C-alpha atoms as a PDB file:
ATOM      1  CA  MET A   1     -14.912 -24.029  10.254  1.00  0.00           C
ATOM      2  CA  ALA A   2     -12.587 -21.796  12.285  1.00  0.00           C
ATOM      3  CA  ALA A   3     -14.044 -18.822  14.100  1.00  0.00           C
ATOM      4  CA  GLU A   4     -12.978 -15.456  12.739  1.00  0.00           C
ATOM      5  CA  SER A   5     -10.849 -13.016  14.688  1.00  0.00           C
ATOM      6  CA  ILE A   6     -12.649  -9.702  14.958  1.00  0.00           C
ATOM      7  CA  LEU A   7     -11.501  -6.168  15.686  1.00  0.00           C
ATOM      8  CA  ARG A   8     -14.373  -4.412  17.436  1.00  0.00           C
ATOM      9  CA  TYR A   9     -14.719  -0.638  17.494  1.00  0.00           C
ATOM     10  CA  SER A  10     -17.112   0.798  20.041  1.00  0.00           C
ATOM     11  CA  ALA A  11     -18.190   4.391  20.184  1.00  0.00           C
ATOM     12  CA  VAL A  12     -19.243   5.709  23.562  1.00  0.00           C
ATOM     13  CA  PRO A  13     -20.919   9.025  24.282  1.00  0.00           C
ATOM     14  CA  SER A  14     -18.713  12.033  23.665  1.00  0.00           C
ATOM     15  CA  ARG A  15     -21.161  14.360  25.391  1.00  0.00           C
ATOM     16  CA  PRO A  16     -22.466  13.361  28.812  1.00  0.00           C
ATOM     17  CA  GLY A  17     -26.112  12.374  28.794  1.00  0.00           C
ATOM     18  CA  THR A  18     -26.530  12.212  25.022  1.00  0.00           C
ATOM     19  CA  GLY A  19     -26.045   8.475  24.571  1.00  0.00           C
ATOM     20  CA  ILE A  20     -24.497   9.008  21.135  1.00  0.00           C
ATOM     21  CA  THR A  21     -21.259  10.027  19.512  1.00  0.00           C
ATOM     22  CA  TRP A  22     -21.791  12.406  16.613  1.00  0.00           C
ATOM     23  CA  PRO A  23     -19.799  12.005  13.390  1.00  0.00           C
ATOM     24  CA  GLY A  24     -16.435  13.665  13.767  1.00  0.00           C
ATOM     25  CA  ALA A  25     -16.406  13.247  17.539  1.00  0.00           C
ATOM     26  CA  ASN A  26     -13.106  11.681  18.468  1.00  0.00           C
ATOM     27  CA  LYS A  27     -13.201  11.237  22.219  1.00  0.00           C
ATOM     28  CA  GLY A  28     -14.184   8.146  24.115  1.00  0.00           C
ATOM     29  CA  THR A  29     -13.715   5.545  21.403  1.00  0.00           C
ATOM     30  CA  THR A  30     -12.200   2.128  21.925  1.00  0.00           C
ATOM     31  CA  ALA A  31     -11.122  -0.601  19.511  1.00  0.00           C
ATOM     32  CA  GLN A  32     -10.650  -4.146  20.697  1.00  0.00           C
ATOM     33  CA  VAL A  33      -9.200  -7.255  19.056  1.00  0.00           C
ATOM     34  CA  PHE A  34     -10.582 -10.540  20.305  1.00  0.00           C
ATOM     35  CA  SER A  35      -9.211 -14.074  20.062  1.00  0.00           C
ATOM     36  CA  GLU A  36     -11.298 -16.835  18.536  1.00  0.00           C
ATOM     37  CA  SER A  37     -12.283 -17.832  22.065  1.00  0.00           C
ATOM     38  CA  GLY A  38     -13.457 -14.319  22.912  1.00  0.00           C
ATOM     39  CA  HIS A  39     -10.504 -13.069  24.979  1.00  0.00           C
ATOM     40  CA  ILE A  40      -9.353  -9.493  24.462  1.00  0.00           C
ATOM     41  CA  LEU A  41      -5.969  -9.509  22.738  1.00  0.00           C
ATOM     42  CA  ARG A  42      -5.554  -5.782  22.138  1.00  0.00           C
ATOM     43  CA  GLU A  43      -7.319  -2.615  23.130  1.00  0.00           C
ATOM     44  CA  TYR A  44      -6.817   0.816  21.587  1.00  0.00           C
ATOM     45  CA  ARG A  45      -8.127   4.178  22.797  1.00  0.00           C
ATOM     46  CA  SER A  46      -8.950   7.211  20.630  1.00  0.00           C
ATOM     47  CA  PHE A  47      -9.252   4.891  17.646  1.00  0.00           C
ATOM     48  CA  SER A  48     -10.730   7.621  15.438  1.00  0.00           C
ATOM     49  CA  HIS A  49      -7.293   9.265  15.535  1.00  0.00           C
ATOM     50  CA  THR A  50      -5.780   6.097  14.035  1.00  0.00           C
ATOM     51  CA  SER A  51      -3.704   5.624  17.165  1.00  0.00           C
ATOM     52  CA  ILE A  52      -3.013   1.967  16.431  1.00  0.00           C
ATOM     53  CA  PRO A  53       0.749   1.394  16.623  1.00  0.00           C
ATOM     54  CA  LYS A  54       2.439   0.592  13.315  1.00  0.00           C
ATOM     55  CA  ASP A  55       3.986  -2.416  15.090  1.00  0.00           C
ATOM     56  CA  ASP A  56       0.503  -3.995  15.130  1.00  0.00           C
ATOM     57  CA  LEU A  57       0.217  -3.870  11.332  1.00  0.00           C
ATOM     58  CA  PHE A  58       1.086  -7.546  10.947  1.00  0.00           C
ATOM     59  CA  PHE A  59      -1.125  -8.568  13.887  1.00  0.00           C
ATOM     60  CA  LEU A  60      -4.218  -6.800  12.489  1.00  0.00           C
ATOM     61  CA  SER A  61      -3.753  -7.824   8.867  1.00  0.00           C
ATOM     62  CA  GLY A  62      -6.585 -10.059   7.727  1.00  0.00           C
ATOM     63  CA  ARG A  63      -8.864  -9.247  10.687  1.00  0.00           C
ATOM     64  CA  ILE A  64     -12.410  -7.896  10.551  1.00  0.00           C
ATOM     65  CA  MET A  65     -13.019  -4.457  12.031  1.00  0.00           C
ATOM     66  CA  MET A  66     -16.492  -3.940  13.480  1.00  0.00           C
ATOM     67  CA  CYS A  67     -17.586  -0.404  14.280  1.00  0.00           C
ATOM     68  CA  SER A  68     -20.531   0.251  16.525  1.00  0.00           C
ATOM     69  CA  ASN A  69     -22.199   3.426  15.282  1.00  0.00           C
ATOM     70  CA  PRO A  70     -25.494   4.392  16.944  1.00  0.00           C
ATOM     71  CA  LEU A  71     -26.221   6.869  14.136  1.00  0.00           C
ATOM     72  CA  GLY A  72     -25.868   4.191  11.464  1.00  0.00           C
ATOM     73  CA  MET A  73     -23.304   6.109   9.425  1.00  0.00           C
ATOM     74  CA  PRO A  74     -21.361   4.555   6.557  1.00  0.00           C
ATOM     75  CA  PHE A  75     -17.582   4.651   6.568  1.00  0.00           C
ATOM     76  CA  SER A  76     -15.571   7.834   6.918  1.00  0.00           C
ATOM     77  CA  ARG A  77     -12.445   8.659   4.963  1.00  0.00           C
ATOM     78  CA  ASN A  78     -10.346   7.728   8.014  1.00  0.00           C
ATOM     79  CA  ASP A  79     -12.152   4.378   8.407  1.00  0.00           C
ATOM     80  CA  LEU A  80     -11.383   3.469   4.804  1.00  0.00           C
ATOM     81  CA  MET A  81      -7.755   4.560   4.975  1.00  0.00           C
ATOM     82  CA  LEU A  82      -7.255   2.574   8.175  1.00  0.00           C
ATOM     83  CA  ALA A  83      -8.791  -0.569   6.650  1.00  0.00           C
ATOM     84  CA  SER A  84      -6.465  -0.210   3.684  1.00  0.00           C
ATOM     85  CA  GLU A  85      -3.369   0.583   5.740  1.00  0.00           C
ATOM     86  CA  PHE A  86      -3.875  -2.376   8.088  1.00  0.00           C
ATOM     87  CA  CYS A  87      -5.030  -4.747   5.300  1.00  0.00           C
ATOM     88  CA  LEU A  88      -8.238  -5.685   7.124  1.00  0.00           C
ATOM     89  CA  SER A  89     -10.233  -8.468   5.508  1.00  0.00           C
ATOM     90  CA  GLU A  90     -13.466  -6.543   6.022  1.00  0.00           C
ATOM     91  CA  LEU A  91     -14.718  -3.271   7.463  1.00  0.00           C
ATOM     92  CA  ARG A  92     -18.167  -3.327   9.109  1.00  0.00           C
ATOM     93  CA  THR A  93     -20.276  -0.792  10.916  1.00  0.00           C
ATOM     94  CA  GLU A  94     -23.497  -1.516  12.725  1.00  0.00           C
ATOM     95  CA  GLY A  95     -26.052   1.015  13.872  1.00  0.00           C
ATOM     96  CA  THR A  96     -29.583   0.968  15.206  1.00  0.00           C
ATOM     97  CA  SER A  97     -31.145   1.474  11.767  1.00  0.00           C
ATOM     98  CA  ARG A  98     -28.612   0.061   9.281  1.00  0.00           C
ATOM     99  CA  SER A  99     -25.384  -1.846   8.840  1.00  0.00           C
ATOM    100  CA  TYR A 100     -22.616  -1.538   6.250  1.00  0.00           C
ATOM    101  CA  SER A 101     -19.816  -3.788   5.060  1.00  0.00           C
ATOM    102  CA  LEU A 102     -16.883  -3.123   2.757  1.00  0.00           C
ATOM    103  CA  LYS A 103     -14.190  -5.556   1.703  1.00  0.00           C
ATOM    104  CA  PRO A 104     -11.827  -6.047  -1.201  1.00  0.00           C
ATOM    105  CA  LYS A 105     -13.048  -8.541  -3.814  1.00  0.00           C
ATOM    106  CA  SER A 106      -9.506  -9.446  -4.807  1.00  0.00           C
ATOM    107  CA  GLY A 107      -8.209  -9.690  -1.246  1.00  0.00           C
ATOM    108  CA  SER A 108      -6.247  -6.439  -1.342  1.00  0.00           C
ATOM    109  CA  TRP A 109      -7.174  -2.829  -0.709  1.00  0.00           C
ATOM    110  CA  PRO A 110      -6.046   0.106  -2.833  1.00  0.00           C
ATOM    111  CA  ASP A 111      -3.220   2.211  -1.419  1.00  0.00           C
ATOM    112  CA  PRO A 112      -4.507   4.219   1.599  1.00  0.00           C
ATOM    113  CA  GLU A 113      -3.324   7.552   0.200  1.00  0.00           C
ATOM    114  CA  VAL A 114      -4.922   6.884  -3.182  1.00  0.00           C
ATOM    115  CA  LEU A 115      -8.164   5.856  -1.472  1.00  0.00           C
ATOM    116  CA  GLY A 116      -8.168   8.955   0.746  1.00  0.00           C
ATOM    117  CA  ARG A 117      -7.376  11.268  -2.155  1.00  0.00           C
ATOM    118  CA  ARG A 118     -10.176   9.787  -4.264  1.00  0.00           C
ATOM    119  CA  TYR A 119     -12.617  10.081  -1.330  1.00  0.00           C
ATOM    120  CA  ASP A 120     -11.789  13.801  -1.170  1.00  0.00           C
ATOM    121  CA  GLU A 121     -12.119  14.218  -4.947  1.00  0.00           C
ATOM    122  CA  ILE A 122     -15.573  12.646  -4.982  1.00  0.00           C
ATOM    123  CA  ARG A 123     -16.720  14.634  -1.948  1.00  0.00           C
ATOM    124  CA  SER A 124     -15.573  17.965  -3.419  1.00  0.00           C
ATOM    125  CA  ALA A 125     -16.707  17.407  -7.038  1.00  0.00           C
ATOM    126  CA  LYS A 126     -19.238  19.978  -8.289  1.00  0.00           C
ATOM    127  CA  GLU A 127     -21.442  17.258  -9.796  1.00  0.00           C
ATOM    128  CA  PHE A 128     -21.511  15.401  -6.492  1.00  0.00           C
ATOM    129  CA  ALA A 129     -22.372  18.583  -4.567  1.00  0.00           C
ATOM    130  CA  ALA A 130     -25.222  19.241  -7.036  1.00  0.00           C
ATOM    131  CA  LEU A 131     -26.554  15.698  -6.526  1.00  0.00           C
ATOM    132  CA  ILE A 132     -26.471  16.067  -2.731  1.00  0.00           C
ATOM    133  CA  THR A 133     -28.222  19.452  -2.960  1.00  0.00           C
ATOM    134  CA  ALA A 134     -30.914  17.971  -5.213  1.00  0.00           C
ATOM    135  CA  ILE A 135     -31.505  15.146  -2.730  1.00  0.00           C
ATOM    136  CA  LYS A 136     -31.466  17.508   0.253  1.00  0.00           C
ATOM    137  CA  TYR A 137     -34.251  19.683  -1.168  1.00  0.00           C
ATOM    138  CA  SER A 138     -36.330  16.974  -2.807  1.00  0.00           C
ATOM    139  CA  PRO A 139     -39.927  16.739  -1.538  1.00  0.00           C
ATOM    140  CA  ASP A 140     -39.503  12.997  -0.908  1.00  0.00           C
ATOM    141  CA  PHE A 141     -36.427  13.523   1.298  1.00  0.00           C
ATOM    142  CA  LEU A 142     -37.954  16.477   3.161  1.00  0.00           C
ATOM    143  CA  SER A 143     -41.143  14.569   3.912  1.00  0.00           C
ATOM    144  CA  LYS A 144     -39.426  11.373   5.122  1.00  0.00           C
ATOM    145  CA  SER A 145     -36.304  12.619   6.891  1.00  0.00           C
ATOM    146  CA  LEU A 146     -36.552  13.099  10.632  1.00  0.00           C
ATOM    147  CA  ASP A 147     -33.146  14.768  10.932  1.00  0.00           C
ATOM    148  CA  HIS A 148     -32.249  16.463   7.644  1.00  0.00           C
ATOM    149  CA  GLU A 149     -28.594  17.229   8.411  1.00  0.00           C
ATOM    150  CA  ARG A 150     -27.762  13.809   9.815  1.00  0.00           C
ATOM    151  CA  ASP A 151     -29.625  12.005   7.037  1.00  0.00           C
ATOM    152  CA  ILE A 152     -27.953  13.967   4.257  1.00  0.00           C
ATOM    153  CA  TYR A 153     -24.569  13.359   5.931  1.00  0.00           C
ATOM    154  CA  ARG A 154     -25.325   9.617   5.914  1.00  0.00           C
ATOM    155  CA  ILE A 155     -26.477   9.689   2.276  1.00  0.00           C
ATOM    156  CA  ARG A 156     -23.334  11.608   1.266  1.00  0.00           C
ATOM    157  CA  ARG A 157     -21.060   9.016   2.893  1.00  0.00           C
ATOM    158  CA  ASP A 158     -23.081   6.161   1.429  1.00  0.00           C
ATOM    159  CA  LEU A 159     -22.826   7.524  -2.111  1.00  0.00           C
ATOM    160  CA  ILE A 160     -19.081   8.082  -1.726  1.00  0.00           C
ATOM    161  CA  CYS A 161     -18.619   4.495  -0.510  1.00  0.00           C
ATOM    162  CA  GLN A 162     -20.663   3.199  -3.457  1.00  0.00           C
ATOM    163  CA  LYS A 163     -18.494   5.131  -5.923  1.00  0.00           C
ATOM    164  CA  LEU A 164     -15.252   4.001  -4.288  1.00  0.00           C
ATOM    165  CA  ALA A 165     -16.395   0.375  -4.262  1.00  0.00           C
ATOM    166  CA  LYS A 166     -17.167   0.491  -7.965  1.00  0.00           C
ATOM    167  CA  GLU A 167     -13.904   2.230  -8.881  1.00  0.00           C
ATOM    168  CA  PHE A 168     -11.594   0.083  -6.743  1.00  0.00           C
ATOM    169  CA  GLY A 169     -13.292  -3.315  -7.028  1.00  0.00           C
ATOM    170  CA  LEU A 170     -14.550  -3.423  -3.452  1.00  0.00           C
ATOM    171  CA  GLU A 171     -17.670  -5.222  -2.245  1.00  0.00           C
ATOM    172  CA  TYR A 172     -19.974  -2.730  -0.509  1.00  0.00           C
ATOM    173  CA  ARG A 173     -23.161  -3.854   1.222  1.00  0.00           C
ATOM    174  CA  LYS A 174     -25.755  -1.991   3.233  1.00  0.00           C
ATOM    175  CA  ILE A 175     -28.605  -3.519   5.151  1.00  0.00           C
ATOM    176  CA  ALA A 176     -31.535  -1.518   6.479  1.00  0.00           C
ATOM    177  CA  CYS A 177     -32.653  -2.790   9.852  1.00  0.00           C
ATOM    178  CA  TYR A 178     -36.163  -1.438   9.226  1.00  0.00           C
ATOM    179  CA  GLU A 179     -38.044  -0.055   6.230  1.00  0.00           C
ATOM    180  CA  ASN A 180     -37.007   3.535   5.632  1.00  0.00           C
ATOM    181  CA  PHE A 181     -36.524   5.756   2.594  1.00  0.00           C
ATOM    182  CA  LEU A 182     -33.200   6.961   3.866  1.00  0.00           C
END
């Protein structure tokens, strides 16, 4: 069995001394593409700005993108659009408390613009906002969440990814690294 080529995305602290990069922070990120033998083939800076050259589209097609996310966040709109645009075989993120994976079941992603537009529609829908509000103020959530804002942000992204996966025929998986309500 041949080893897979992997695109690794590493987030480094955006604020000195914090040890974490908060969602939306877009400084200090690096993406690397490795050969099957582990040699770095490509390295990209400010990856969250989608600064990968269009010339690398063919090179990245079919690769796996791995995102290191200390906060354990699911995929952002930009992550999903990038995976679609570059025809990645799988998008993964790994955090200290959970990991996520998203890949097309049929081998192809929906159009990036369509995916991004639908992400925005779900996020801004009144019904979705009502669901998030209900979760945010539920006694179960309030008693188990250690960081209400970060946890609700993670839940919001997770629910959006679940909806997109169902609508577009994508395979979405999440794995908790320890037992936790959230």
